Amino acid sequence: MSANTSIILVVEDDSIVRMLIVDVLEELEFKVLEADGCEQALEILKDLNQHIDLMMTDVGLPIMDGRELANEARTLRPALPVLFASGYAESIEVPEGMHVIGKPFSIDQLRDKVKGVLGN
């Protein structure tokens, strides 16, 4: 593995969109964990032996939206950076330590945003 050993949890209920995001991040040599919704994401987040450097989540998820998931994630992992993906990025207010990328995004935009959030 290269210098990009960061582990990213991708939470997206649309399997095609999730697959595309995961493929791009893996191509950029990040390690990726996948969740198809909040329940699966919370199971992964509760395993404190599993290191996670960033959670990237869709805002519009069923059961609990991305912001609610981020709040739960921050309860479990207070310093976890969160990157929201949304088609309505300009209307989302994000707390400190959380970021947003507008859908649709290019591979370059995703790479630059993730690297910026991770500080590399």
PDB file of N, CA and C in Angstrom:
ATOM      1  N   MET A   1       0.841  -1.186   0.000  1.00  0.00           N
ATOM      2  CA  MET A   1       0.000   0.000   0.000  1.00  0.00           C
ATOM      3  C   MET A   1       0.886   1.249   0.000  1.00  0.00           C
ATOM      4  N   SER A   2       0.453   2.298  -0.613  1.00  0.00           N
ATOM      5  CA  SER A   2       1.238   3.531  -0.690  1.00  0.00           C
ATOM      6  C   SER A   2       1.036   4.380   0.557  1.00  0.00           C
ATOM      7  N   ALA A   3       1.340   5.654   0.444  1.00  0.00           N
ATOM      8  CA  ALA A   3       1.219   6.568   1.579  1.00  0.00           C
ATOM      9  C   ALA A   3      -0.236   6.752   2.017  1.00  0.00           C
ATOM     10  N   ASN A   4      -1.189   6.467   1.123  1.00  0.00           N
ATOM     11  CA  ASN A   4      -2.603   6.625   1.455  1.00  0.00           C
ATOM     12  C   ASN A   4      -3.114   5.406   2.220  1.00  0.00           C
ATOM     13  N   THR A   5      -2.697   5.266   3.450  1.00  0.00           N
ATOM     14  CA  THR A   5      -3.157   4.128   4.234  1.00  0.00           C
ATOM     15  C   THR A   5      -4.381   4.491   5.061  1.00  0.00           C
ATOM     16  N   SER A   6      -4.956   5.630   4.796  1.00  0.00           N
ATOM     17  CA  SER A   6      -6.145   6.059   5.527  1.00  0.00           C
ATOM     18  C   SER A   6      -7.312   5.133   5.236  1.00  0.00           C
ATOM     19  N   ILE A   7      -8.136   4.926   6.263  1.00  0.00           N
ATOM     20  CA  ILE A   7      -9.302   4.050   6.156  1.00  0.00           C
ATOM     21  C   ILE A   7     -10.553   4.916   6.134  1.00  0.00           C
ATOM     22  N   ILE A   8     -11.375   4.734   5.111  1.00  0.00           N
ATOM     23  CA  ILE A   8     -12.571   5.545   4.921  1.00  0.00           C
ATOM     24  C   ILE A   8     -13.801   4.649   4.987  1.00  0.00           C
ATOM     25  N   LEU A   9     -14.745   5.033   5.824  1.00  0.00           N
ATOM     26  CA  LEU A   9     -16.042   4.356   5.893  1.00  0.00           C
ATOM     27  C   LEU A   9     -16.994   5.096   4.965  1.00  0.00           C
ATOM     28  N   VAL A  10     -17.487   4.410   3.936  1.00  0.00           N
ATOM     29  CA  VAL A  10     -18.416   4.997   2.971  1.00  0.00           C
ATOM     30  C   VAL A  10     -19.821   4.484   3.291  1.00  0.00           C
ATOM     31  N   VAL A  11     -20.741   5.424   3.560  1.00  0.00           N
ATOM     32  CA  VAL A  11     -22.125   5.082   3.876  1.00  0.00           C
ATOM     33  C   VAL A  11     -23.009   5.650   2.770  1.00  0.00           C
ATOM     34  N   GLU A  12     -23.599   4.745   1.993  1.00  0.00           N
ATOM     35  CA  GLU A  12     -24.425   5.147   0.848  1.00  0.00           C
ATOM     36  C   GLU A  12     -25.439   4.043   0.600  1.00  0.00           C
ATOM     37  N   ASP A  13     -26.723   4.391   0.575  1.00  0.00           N
ATOM     38  CA  ASP A  13     -27.765   3.374   0.390  1.00  0.00           C
ATOM     39  C   ASP A  13     -27.964   2.974  -1.064  1.00  0.00           C
ATOM     40  N   ASP A  14     -27.539   3.796  -2.003  1.00  0.00           N
ATOM     41  CA  ASP A  14     -27.639   3.459  -3.425  1.00  0.00           C
ATOM     42  C   ASP A  14     -26.416   2.612  -3.790  1.00  0.00           C
ATOM     43  N   SER A  15     -26.636   1.342  -4.091  1.00  0.00           N
ATOM     44  CA  SER A  15     -25.520   0.416  -4.299  1.00  0.00           C
ATOM     45  C   SER A  15     -24.627   0.823  -5.475  1.00  0.00           C
ATOM     46  N   ILE A  16     -25.197   1.385  -6.522  1.00  0.00           N
ATOM     47  CA  ILE A  16     -24.392   1.792  -7.675  1.00  0.00           C
ATOM     48  C   ILE A  16     -23.501   2.978  -7.317  1.00  0.00           C
ATOM     49  N   VAL A  17     -24.071   3.972  -6.643  1.00  0.00           N
ATOM     50  CA  VAL A  17     -23.292   5.142  -6.224  1.00  0.00           C
ATOM     51  C   VAL A  17     -22.199   4.706  -5.247  1.00  0.00           C
ATOM     52  N   ARG A  18     -22.563   3.832  -4.285  1.00  0.00           N
ATOM     53  CA  ARG A  18     -21.579   3.346  -3.301  1.00  0.00           C
ATOM     54  C   ARG A  18     -20.437   2.627  -4.018  1.00  0.00           C
ATOM     55  N   MET A  19     -20.771   1.764  -4.971  1.00  0.00           N
ATOM     56  CA  MET A  19     -19.750   1.022  -5.702  1.00  0.00           C
ATOM     57  C   MET A  19     -18.803   1.971  -6.438  1.00  0.00           C
ATOM     58  N   LEU A  20     -19.345   2.999  -7.066  1.00  0.00           N
ATOM     59  CA  LEU A  20     -18.509   3.958  -7.786  1.00  0.00           C
ATOM     60  C   LEU A  20     -17.576   4.714  -6.846  1.00  0.00           C
ATOM     61  N   ILE A  21     -18.103   5.164  -5.708  1.00  0.00           N
ATOM     62  CA  ILE A  21     -17.281   5.887  -4.733  1.00  0.00           C
ATOM     63  C   ILE A  21     -16.180   4.972  -4.203  1.00  0.00           C
ATOM     64  N   VAL A  22     -16.550   3.750  -3.844  1.00  0.00           N
ATOM     65  CA  VAL A  22     -15.574   2.791  -3.320  1.00  0.00           C
ATOM     66  C   VAL A  22     -14.499   2.509  -4.365  1.00  0.00           C
ATOM     67  N   ASP A  23     -14.899   2.295  -5.613  1.00  0.00           N
ATOM     68  CA  ASP A  23     -13.929   2.024  -6.680  1.00  0.00           C
ATOM     69  C   ASP A  23     -12.938   3.170  -6.835  1.00  0.00           C
ATOM     70  N   VAL A  24     -13.444   4.401  -6.815  1.00  0.00           N
ATOM     71  CA  VAL A  24     -12.565   5.568  -6.965  1.00  0.00           C
ATOM     72  C   VAL A  24     -11.608   5.660  -5.785  1.00  0.00           C
ATOM     73  N   LEU A  25     -12.114   5.512  -4.574  1.00  0.00           N
ATOM     74  CA  LEU A  25     -11.251   5.623  -3.397  1.00  0.00           C
ATOM     75  C   LEU A  25     -10.204   4.514  -3.365  1.00  0.00           C
ATOM     76  N   GLU A  26     -10.599   3.309  -3.758  1.00  0.00           N
ATOM     77  CA  GLU A  26      -9.630   2.212  -3.805  1.00  0.00           C
ATOM     78  C   GLU A  26      -8.592   2.450  -4.902  1.00  0.00           C
ATOM     79  N   GLU A  27      -9.022   3.016  -6.014  1.00  0.00           N
ATOM     80  CA  GLU A  27      -8.084   3.361  -7.086  1.00  0.00           C
ATOM     81  C   GLU A  27      -7.067   4.390  -6.588  1.00  0.00           C
ATOM     82  N   LEU A  28      -7.498   5.262  -5.684  1.00  0.00           N
ATOM     83  CA  LEU A  28      -6.614   6.258  -5.078  1.00  0.00           C
ATOM     84  C   LEU A  28      -5.814   5.661  -3.916  1.00  0.00           C
ATOM     85  N   GLU A  29      -5.966   4.356  -3.718  1.00  0.00           N
ATOM     86  CA  GLU A  29      -5.220   3.557  -2.746  1.00  0.00           C
ATOM     87  C   GLU A  29      -5.596   3.816  -1.293  1.00  0.00           C
ATOM     88  N   PHE A  30      -6.841   4.206  -1.070  1.00  0.00           N
ATOM     89  CA  PHE A  30      -7.368   4.261   0.293  1.00  0.00           C
ATOM     90  C   PHE A  30      -7.940   2.893   0.620  1.00  0.00           C
ATOM     91  N   LYS A  31      -7.962   2.537   1.896  1.00  0.00           N
ATOM     92  CA  LYS A  31      -8.671   1.338   2.328  1.00  0.00           C
ATOM     93  C   LYS A  31     -10.101   1.776   2.607  1.00  0.00           C
ATOM     94  N   VAL A  32     -11.077   1.011   2.121  1.00  0.00           N
ATOM     95  CA  VAL A  32     -12.469   1.434   2.228  1.00  0.00           C
ATOM     96  C   VAL A  32     -13.301   0.376   2.940  1.00  0.00           C
ATOM     97  N   LEU A  33     -14.122   0.835   3.878  1.00  0.00           N
ATOM     98  CA  LEU A  33     -15.147   0.024   4.515  1.00  0.00           C
ATOM     99  C   LEU A  33     -16.471   0.512   3.956  1.00  0.00           C
ATOM    100  N   GLU A  34     -17.403  -0.406   3.701  1.00  0.00           N
ATOM    101  CA  GLU A  34     -18.680  -0.023   3.103  1.00  0.00           C
ATOM    102  C   GLU A  34     -19.834  -0.304   4.044  1.00  0.00           C
ATOM    103  N   ALA A  35     -20.821   0.605   4.020  1.00  0.00           N
ATOM    104  CA  ALA A  35     -22.076   0.393   4.737  1.00  0.00           C
ATOM    105  C   ALA A  35     -23.205   0.844   3.832  1.00  0.00           C
ATOM    106  N   ASP A  36     -24.284   0.035   3.776  1.00  0.00           N
ATOM    107  CA  ASP A  36     -25.412   0.386   2.908  1.00  0.00           C
ATOM    108  C   ASP A  36     -26.452   1.234   3.619  1.00  0.00           C
ATOM    109  N   GLY A  37     -26.193   1.576   4.862  1.00  0.00           N
ATOM    110  CA  GLY A  37     -27.109   2.425   5.617  1.00  0.00           C
ATOM    111  C   GLY A  37     -26.596   2.653   7.027  1.00  0.00           C
ATOM    112  N   CYS A  38     -27.398   3.339   7.810  1.00  0.00           N
ATOM    113  CA  CYS A  38     -26.989   3.738   9.150  1.00  0.00           C
ATOM    114  C   CYS A  38     -26.759   2.565  10.094  1.00  0.00           C
ATOM    115  N   GLU A  39     -27.624   1.545  10.026  1.00  0.00           N
ATOM    116  CA  GLU A  39     -27.466   0.415  10.943  1.00  0.00           C
ATOM    117  C   GLU A  39     -26.127  -0.272  10.738  1.00  0.00           C
ATOM    118  N   GLN A  40     -25.789  -0.538   9.494  1.00  0.00           N
ATOM    119  CA  GLN A  40     -24.516  -1.189   9.198  1.00  0.00           C
ATOM    120  C   GLN A  40     -23.345  -0.268   9.563  1.00  0.00           C
ATOM    121  N   ALA A  41     -23.481   1.028   9.296  1.00  0.00           N
ATOM    122  CA  ALA A  41     -22.430   1.981   9.643  1.00  0.00           C
ATOM    123  C   ALA A  41     -22.193   2.010  11.152  1.00  0.00           C
ATOM    124  N   LEU A  42     -23.276   2.028  11.916  1.00  0.00           N
ATOM    125  CA  LEU A  42     -23.134   2.072  13.377  1.00  0.00           C
ATOM    126  C   LEU A  42     -22.481   0.804  13.920  1.00  0.00           C
ATOM    127  N   GLU A  43     -22.775  -0.340  13.318  1.00  0.00           N
ATOM    128  CA  GLU A  43     -22.103  -1.581  13.727  1.00  0.00           C
ATOM    129  C   GLU A  43     -20.597  -1.449  13.544  1.00  0.00           C
ATOM    130  N   ILE A  44     -20.189  -0.913  12.409  1.00  0.00           N
ATOM    131  CA  ILE A  44     -18.756  -0.727  12.128  1.00  0.00           C
ATOM    132  C   ILE A  44     -18.168   0.298  13.096  1.00  0.00           C
ATOM    133  N   LEU A  45     -18.864   1.397  13.306  1.00  0.00           N
ATOM    134  CA  LEU A  45     -18.364   2.456  14.185  1.00  0.00           C
ATOM    135  C   LEU A  45     -18.243   2.009  15.640  1.00  0.00           C
ATOM    136  N   LYS A  46     -19.117   1.113  16.066  1.00  0.00           N
ATOM    137  CA  LYS A  46     -19.084   0.629  17.454  1.00  0.00           C
ATOM    138  C   LYS A  46     -17.907  -0.293  17.724  1.00  0.00           C
ATOM    139  N   ASP A  47     -17.333  -0.862  16.671  1.00  0.00           N
ATOM    140  CA  ASP A  47     -16.156  -1.715  16.827  1.00  0.00           C
ATOM    141  C   ASP A  47     -14.933  -0.815  16.954  1.00  0.00           C
ATOM    142  N   LEU A  48     -14.595  -0.459  18.178  1.00  0.00           N
ATOM    143  CA  LEU A  48     -13.508   0.493  18.403  1.00  0.00           C
ATOM    144  C   LEU A  48     -12.133  -0.094  18.086  1.00  0.00           C
ATOM    145  N   ASN A  49     -12.068  -1.384  17.803  1.00  0.00           N
ATOM    146  CA  ASN A  49     -10.811  -1.981  17.341  1.00  0.00           C
ATOM    147  C   ASN A  49     -10.592  -1.702  15.859  1.00  0.00           C
ATOM    148  N   GLN A  50     -11.659  -1.286  15.162  1.00  0.00           N
ATOM    149  CA  GLN A  50     -11.562  -0.951  13.741  1.00  0.00           C
ATOM    150  C   GLN A  50     -11.199   0.520  13.608  1.00  0.00           C
ATOM    151  N   HIS A  51     -10.008   0.793  13.113  1.00  0.00           N
ATOM    152  CA  HIS A  51      -9.575   2.179  12.909  1.00  0.00           C
ATOM    153  C   HIS A  51     -10.325   2.780  11.717  1.00  0.00           C
ATOM    154  N   ILE A  52     -10.765   4.016  11.858  1.00  0.00           N
ATOM    155  CA  ILE A  52     -11.427   4.749  10.765  1.00  0.00           C
ATOM    156  C   ILE A  52     -10.888   6.178  10.791  1.00  0.00           C
ATOM    157  N   ASP A  53     -10.406   6.641   9.640  1.00  0.00           N
ATOM    158  CA  ASP A  53      -9.864   7.996   9.542  1.00  0.00           C
ATOM    159  C   ASP A  53     -10.889   9.017   9.072  1.00  0.00           C
ATOM    160  N   LEU A  54     -11.922   8.548   8.362  1.00  0.00           N
ATOM    161  CA  LEU A  54     -12.916   9.446   7.784  1.00  0.00           C
ATOM    162  C   LEU A  54     -14.191   8.658   7.510  1.00  0.00           C
ATOM    163  N   MET A  55     -15.333   9.279   7.797  1.00  0.00           N
ATOM    164  CA  MET A  55     -16.610   8.705   7.390  1.00  0.00           C
ATOM    165  C   MET A  55     -17.184   9.612   6.309  1.00  0.00           C
ATOM    166  N   MET A  56     -17.452   9.017   5.145  1.00  0.00           N
ATOM    167  CA  MET A  56     -18.116   9.730   4.053  1.00  0.00           C
ATOM    168  C   MET A  56     -19.522   9.181   3.966  1.00  0.00           C
ATOM    169  N   THR A  57     -20.512  10.053   4.133  1.00  0.00           N
ATOM    170  CA  THR A  57     -21.890   9.592   4.154  1.00  0.00           C
ATOM    171  C   THR A  57     -22.795  10.441   3.279  1.00  0.00           C
ATOM    172  N   ASP A  58     -23.741   9.769   2.666  1.00  0.00           N
ATOM    173  CA  ASP A  58     -24.810  10.459   1.961  1.00  0.00           C
ATOM    174  C   ASP A  58     -25.643  11.180   3.019  1.00  0.00           C
ATOM    175  N   VAL A  59     -26.215  12.299   2.663  1.00  0.00           N
ATOM    176  CA  VAL A  59     -27.087  13.006   3.606  1.00  0.00           C
ATOM    177  C   VAL A  59     -28.459  12.346   3.640  1.00  0.00           C
ATOM    178  N   GLY A  60     -28.985  11.981   2.471  1.00  0.00           N
ATOM    179  CA  GLY A  60     -30.331  11.423   2.380  1.00  0.00           C
ATOM    180  C   GLY A  60     -30.345   9.915   2.537  1.00  0.00           C
ATOM    181  N   LEU A  61     -30.298   9.448   3.765  1.00  0.00           N
ATOM    182  CA  LEU A  61     -30.359   8.018   4.049  1.00  0.00           C
ATOM    183  C   LEU A  61     -31.704   7.680   4.677  1.00  0.00           C
ATOM    184  N   PRO A  62     -32.193   6.448   4.454  1.00  0.00           N
ATOM    185  CA  PRO A  62     -33.441   6.053   5.127  1.00  0.00           C
ATOM    186  C   PRO A  62     -33.191   5.813   6.620  1.00  0.00           C
ATOM    187  N   ILE A  63     -34.242   5.794   7.395  1.00  0.00           N
ATOM    188  CA  ILE A  63     -34.246   5.561   8.845  1.00  0.00           C
ATOM    189  C   ILE A  63     -33.676   6.756   9.600  1.00  0.00           C
ATOM    190  N   MET A  64     -32.437   7.078   9.368  1.00  0.00           N
ATOM    191  CA  MET A  64     -31.744   8.178  10.042  1.00  0.00           C
ATOM    192  C   MET A  64     -30.960   8.904   8.958  1.00  0.00           C
ATOM    193  N   ASP A  65     -31.035  10.228   8.895  1.00  0.00           N
ATOM    194  CA  ASP A  65     -30.293  10.909   7.823  1.00  0.00           C
ATOM    195  C   ASP A  65     -28.805  11.005   8.171  1.00  0.00           C
ATOM    196  N   GLY A  66     -28.023  11.448   7.208  1.00  0.00           N
ATOM    197  CA  GLY A  66     -26.578  11.511   7.375  1.00  0.00           C
ATOM    198  C   GLY A  66     -26.133  12.369   8.537  1.00  0.00           C
ATOM    199  N   ARG A  67     -26.851  13.444   8.802  1.00  0.00           N
ATOM    200  CA  ARG A  67     -26.481  14.313   9.930  1.00  0.00           C
ATOM    201  C   ARG A  67     -26.711  13.610  11.258  1.00  0.00           C
ATOM    202  N   GLU A  68     -27.822  12.891  11.356  1.00  0.00           N
ATOM    203  CA  GLU A  68     -28.087  12.124  12.588  1.00  0.00           C
ATOM    204  C   GLU A  68     -27.030  11.031  12.764  1.00  0.00           C
ATOM    205  N   LEU A  69     -26.673  10.383  11.655  1.00  0.00           N
ATOM    206  CA  LEU A  69     -25.620   9.374  11.711  1.00  0.00           C
ATOM    207  C   LEU A  69     -24.304  10.007  12.169  1.00  0.00           C
ATOM    208  N   ALA A  70     -23.983  11.169  11.635  1.00  0.00           N
ATOM    209  CA  ALA A  70     -22.743  11.851  12.026  1.00  0.00           C
ATOM    210  C   ALA A  70     -22.739  12.169  13.515  1.00  0.00           C
ATOM    211  N   ASN A  71     -23.884  12.596  14.040  1.00  0.00           N
ATOM    212  CA  ASN A  71     -23.967  12.883  15.476  1.00  0.00           C
ATOM    213  C   ASN A  71     -23.728  11.624  16.303  1.00  0.00           C
ATOM    214  N   GLU A  72     -24.326  10.499  15.868  1.00  0.00           N
ATOM    215  CA  GLU A  72     -24.107   9.221  16.552  1.00  0.00           C
ATOM    216  C   GLU A  72     -22.637   8.804  16.440  1.00  0.00           C
ATOM    217  N   ALA A  73     -22.073   8.976  15.244  1.00  0.00           N
ATOM    218  CA  ALA A  73     -20.666   8.614  15.027  1.00  0.00           C
ATOM    219  C   ALA A  73     -19.759   9.422  15.936  1.00  0.00           C
ATOM    220  N   ARG A  74     -20.057  10.710  16.086  1.00  0.00           N
ATOM    221  CA  ARG A  74     -19.243  11.578  16.926  1.00  0.00           C
ATOM    222  C   ARG A  74     -19.387  11.237  18.412  1.00  0.00           C
ATOM    223  N   THR A  75     -20.524  10.647  18.795  1.00  0.00           N
ATOM    224  CA  THR A  75     -20.681  10.177  20.175  1.00  0.00           C
ATOM    225  C   THR A  75     -19.719   9.010  20.412  1.00  0.00           C
ATOM    226  N   LEU A  76     -19.604   8.128  19.423  1.00  0.00           N
ATOM    227  CA  LEU A  76     -18.729   6.958  19.533  1.00  0.00           C
ATOM    228  C   LEU A  76     -17.262   7.309  19.305  1.00  0.00           C
ATOM    229  N   ARG A  77     -17.029   8.230  18.391  1.00  0.00           N
ATOM    230  CA  ARG A  77     -15.661   8.601  17.990  1.00  0.00           C
ATOM    231  C   ARG A  77     -15.604  10.128  17.850  1.00  0.00           C
ATOM    232  N   PRO A  78     -15.393  10.832  18.949  1.00  0.00           N
ATOM    233  CA  PRO A  78     -15.507  12.292  18.956  1.00  0.00           C
ATOM    234  C   PRO A  78     -14.646  13.040  17.940  1.00  0.00           C
ATOM    235  N   ALA A  79     -13.506  12.526  17.569  1.00  0.00           N
ATOM    236  CA  ALA A  79     -12.615  13.254  16.658  1.00  0.00           C
ATOM    237  C   ALA A  79     -12.769  12.836  15.202  1.00  0.00           C
ATOM    238  N   LEU A  80     -13.730  11.963  14.893  1.00  0.00           N
ATOM    239  CA  LEU A  80     -13.869  11.434  13.536  1.00  0.00           C
ATOM    240  C   LEU A  80     -14.293  12.518  12.550  1.00  0.00           C
ATOM    241  N   PRO A  81     -13.482  12.764  11.513  1.00  0.00           N
ATOM    242  CA  PRO A  81     -13.915  13.695  10.465  1.00  0.00           C
ATOM    243  C   PRO A  81     -15.052  13.061   9.657  1.00  0.00           C
ATOM    244  N   VAL A  82     -15.989  13.912   9.232  1.00  0.00           N
ATOM    245  CA  VAL A  82     -17.140  13.455   8.459  1.00  0.00           C
ATOM    246  C   VAL A  82     -17.211  14.266   7.176  1.00  0.00           C
ATOM    247  N   LEU A  83     -17.427  13.561   6.063  1.00  0.00           N
ATOM    248  CA  LEU A  83     -17.625  14.205   4.767  1.00  0.00           C
ATOM    249  C   LEU A  83     -19.006  13.816   4.262  1.00  0.00           C
ATOM    250  N   PHE A  84     -19.889  14.817   4.161  1.00  0.00           N
ATOM    251  CA  PHE A  84     -21.231  14.588   3.644  1.00  0.00           C
ATOM    252  C   PHE A  84     -21.206  14.707   2.123  1.00  0.00           C
ATOM    253  N   ALA A  85     -21.928  13.826   1.452  1.00  0.00           N
ATOM    254  CA  ALA A  85     -22.118  13.924   0.008  1.00  0.00           C
ATOM    255  C   ALA A  85     -23.592  14.239  -0.219  1.00  0.00           C
ATOM    256  N   SER A  86     -23.853  15.324  -0.962  1.00  0.00           N
ATOM    257  CA  SER A  86     -25.242  15.745  -1.137  1.00  0.00           C
ATOM    258  C   SER A  86     -25.440  16.475  -2.451  1.00  0.00           C
ATOM    259  N   GLY A  87     -26.598  16.262  -3.040  1.00  0.00           N
ATOM    260  CA  GLY A  87     -26.987  17.019  -4.215  1.00  0.00           C
ATOM    261  C   GLY A  87     -27.405  18.439  -3.868  1.00  0.00           C
ATOM    262  N   TYR A  88     -27.500  18.714  -2.566  1.00  0.00           N
ATOM    263  CA  TYR A  88     -27.912  20.041  -2.090  1.00  0.00           C
ATOM    264  C   TYR A  88     -26.835  20.629  -1.190  1.00  0.00           C
ATOM    265  N   ALA A  89     -25.583  20.476  -1.597  1.00  0.00           N
ATOM    266  CA  ALA A  89     -24.440  20.849  -0.764  1.00  0.00           C
ATOM    267  C   ALA A  89     -24.476  22.301  -0.304  1.00  0.00           C
ATOM    268  N   GLU A  90     -24.952  23.181  -1.181  1.00  0.00           N
ATOM    269  CA  GLU A  90     -24.926  24.602  -0.834  1.00  0.00           C
ATOM    270  C   GLU A  90     -25.884  24.948   0.300  1.00  0.00           C
ATOM    271  N   SER A  91     -26.852  24.084   0.570  1.00  0.00           N
ATOM    272  CA  SER A  91     -27.831  24.394   1.612  1.00  0.00           C
ATOM    273  C   SER A  91     -27.552  23.666   2.933  1.00  0.00           C
ATOM    274  N   ILE A  92     -26.440  22.951   3.005  1.00  0.00           N
ATOM    275  CA  ILE A  92     -26.139  22.185   4.216  1.00  0.00           C
ATOM    276  C   ILE A  92     -25.203  22.965   5.121  1.00  0.00           C
ATOM    277  N   GLU A  93     -25.615  23.122   6.361  1.00  0.00           N
ATOM    278  CA  GLU A  93     -24.732  23.704   7.369  1.00  0.00           C
ATOM    279  C   GLU A  93     -24.056  22.558   8.085  1.00  0.00           C
ATOM    280  N   VAL A  94     -22.729  22.624   8.178  1.00  0.00           N
ATOM    281  CA  VAL A  94     -22.001  21.527   8.801  1.00  0.00           C
ATOM    282  C   VAL A  94     -21.223  22.019  10.016  1.00  0.00           C
ATOM    283  N   PRO A  95     -21.273  21.248  11.092  1.00  0.00           N
ATOM    284  CA  PRO A  95     -20.518  21.603  12.290  1.00  0.00           C
ATOM    285  C   PRO A  95     -19.009  21.472  12.058  1.00  0.00           C
ATOM    286  N   GLU A  96     -18.238  21.996  12.985  1.00  0.00           N
ATOM    287  CA  GLU A  96     -16.783  21.914  12.913  1.00  0.00           C
ATOM    288  C   GLU A  96     -16.340  20.453  12.810  1.00  0.00           C
ATOM    289  N   GLY A  97     -15.348  20.216  11.967  1.00  0.00           N
ATOM    290  CA  GLY A  97     -14.841  18.863  11.780  1.00  0.00           C
ATOM    291  C   GLY A  97     -15.642  18.064  10.774  1.00  0.00           C
ATOM    292  N   MET A  98     -16.657  18.692  10.207  1.00  0.00           N
ATOM    293  CA  MET A  98     -17.466  18.028   9.188  1.00  0.00           C
ATOM    294  C   MET A  98     -17.391  18.853   7.913  1.00  0.00           C
ATOM    295  N   HIS A  99     -17.486  18.164   6.784  1.00  0.00           N
ATOM    296  CA  HIS A  99     -17.292  18.796   5.484  1.00  0.00           C
ATOM    297  C   HIS A  99     -18.369  18.301   4.533  1.00  0.00           C
ATOM    298  N   VAL A 100     -18.472  18.945   3.375  1.00  0.00           N
ATOM    299  CA  VAL A 100     -19.488  18.549   2.397  1.00  0.00           C
ATOM    300  C   VAL A 100     -18.912  18.606   0.991  1.00  0.00           C
ATOM    301  N   ILE A 101     -19.350  17.662   0.156  1.00  0.00           N
ATOM    302  CA  ILE A 101     -19.018  17.664  -1.265  1.00  0.00           C
ATOM    303  C   ILE A 101     -20.335  17.521  -2.024  1.00  0.00           C
ATOM    304  N   GLY A 102     -20.500  18.323  -3.047  1.00  0.00           N
ATOM    305  CA  GLY A 102     -21.737  18.303  -3.821  1.00  0.00           C
ATOM    306  C   GLY A 102     -21.773  17.175  -4.835  1.00  0.00           C
ATOM    307  N   LYS A 103     -22.937  16.537  -4.925  1.00  0.00           N
ATOM    308  CA  LYS A 103     -23.163  15.522  -5.963  1.00  0.00           C
ATOM    309  C   LYS A 103     -23.778  16.210  -7.165  1.00  0.00           C
ATOM    310  N   PRO A 104     -23.445  15.835  -8.362  1.00  0.00           N
ATOM    311  CA  PRO A 104     -22.407  14.869  -8.698  1.00  0.00           C
ATOM    312  C   PRO A 104     -21.028  15.511  -8.568  1.00  0.00           C
ATOM    313  N   PHE A 105     -20.011  14.703  -8.295  1.00  0.00           N
ATOM    314  CA  PHE A 105     -18.652  15.206  -8.190  1.00  0.00           C
ATOM    315  C   PHE A 105     -17.751  14.384  -9.109  1.00  0.00           C
ATOM    316  N   SER A 106     -16.662  15.001  -9.515  1.00  0.00           N
ATOM    317  CA  SER A 106     -15.699  14.314 -10.378  1.00  0.00           C
ATOM    318  C   SER A 106     -14.722  13.514  -9.513  1.00  0.00           C
ATOM    319  N   ILE A 107     -13.984  12.651 -10.153  1.00  0.00           N
ATOM    320  CA  ILE A 107     -12.953  11.891  -9.455  1.00  0.00           C
ATOM    321  C   ILE A 107     -11.950  12.850  -8.828  1.00  0.00           C
ATOM    322  N   ASP A 108     -11.551  13.872  -9.577  1.00  0.00           N
ATOM    323  CA  ASP A 108     -10.583  14.838  -9.062  1.00  0.00           C
ATOM    324  C   ASP A 108     -11.143  15.597  -7.858  1.00  0.00           C
ATOM    325  N   GLN A 109     -12.416  15.987  -7.930  1.00  0.00           N
ATOM    326  CA  GLN A 109     -13.031  16.694  -6.799  1.00  0.00           C
ATOM    327  C   GLN A 109     -13.073  15.800  -5.560  1.00  0.00           C
ATOM    328  N   LEU A 110     -13.428  14.527  -5.749  1.00  0.00           N
ATOM    329  CA  LEU A 110     -13.472  13.604  -4.621  1.00  0.00           C
ATOM    330  C   LEU A 110     -12.077  13.420  -4.030  1.00  0.00           C
ATOM    331  N   ARG A 111     -11.099  13.184  -4.885  1.00  0.00           N
ATOM    332  CA  ARG A 111      -9.718  13.012  -4.416  1.00  0.00           C
ATOM    333  C   ARG A 111      -9.258  14.233  -3.631  1.00  0.00           C
ATOM    334  N   ASP A 112      -9.453  15.416  -4.199  1.00  0.00           N
ATOM    335  CA  ASP A 112      -8.982  16.636  -3.545  1.00  0.00           C
ATOM    336  C   ASP A 112      -9.697  16.883  -2.221  1.00  0.00           C
ATOM    337  N   LYS A 113     -11.003  16.621  -2.183  1.00  0.00           N
ATOM    338  CA  LYS A 113     -11.776  16.850  -0.964  1.00  0.00           C
ATOM    339  C   LYS A 113     -11.340  15.881   0.137  1.00  0.00           C
ATOM    340  N   VAL A 114     -11.228  14.597  -0.214  1.00  0.00           N
ATOM    341  CA  VAL A 114     -10.831  13.592   0.785  1.00  0.00           C
ATOM    342  C   VAL A 114      -9.425  13.899   1.305  1.00  0.00           C
ATOM    343  N   LYS A 115      -8.502  14.177   0.412  1.00  0.00           N
ATOM    344  CA  LYS A 115      -7.135  14.494   0.849  1.00  0.00           C
ATOM    345  C   LYS A 115      -7.109  15.761   1.696  1.00  0.00           C
ATOM    346  N   GLY A 116      -7.926  16.742   1.342  1.00  0.00           N
ATOM    347  CA  GLY A 116      -7.993  17.968   2.128  1.00  0.00           C
ATOM    348  C   GLY A 116      -8.532  17.718   3.525  1.00  0.00           C
ATOM    349  N   VAL A 117      -9.575  16.920   3.635  1.00  0.00           N
ATOM    350  CA  VAL A 117     -10.171  16.613   4.935  1.00  0.00           C
ATOM    351  C   VAL A 117      -9.182  15.820   5.789  1.00  0.00           C
ATOM    352  N   LEU A 118      -8.465  14.895   5.153  1.00  0.00           N
ATOM    353  CA  LEU A 118      -7.505  14.066   5.885  1.00  0.00           C
ATOM    354  C   LEU A 118      -6.183  14.794   6.144  1.00  0.00           C
ATOM    355  N   GLY A 119      -6.017  15.949   5.499  1.00  0.00           N
ATOM    356  CA  GLY A 119      -4.815  16.731   5.721  1.00  0.00           C
ATOM    357  C   GLY A 119      -3.583  16.198   5.002  1.00  0.00           C
ATOM    358  N   ASN A 120      -3.807  15.488   3.868  1.00  0.00           N
ATOM    359  CA  ASN A 120      -2.634  15.040   3.103  1.00  0.00           C
ATOM    360  C   ASN A 120      -2.852  15.350   1.650  1.00  0.00           C
TER     361      ASN A 120
END
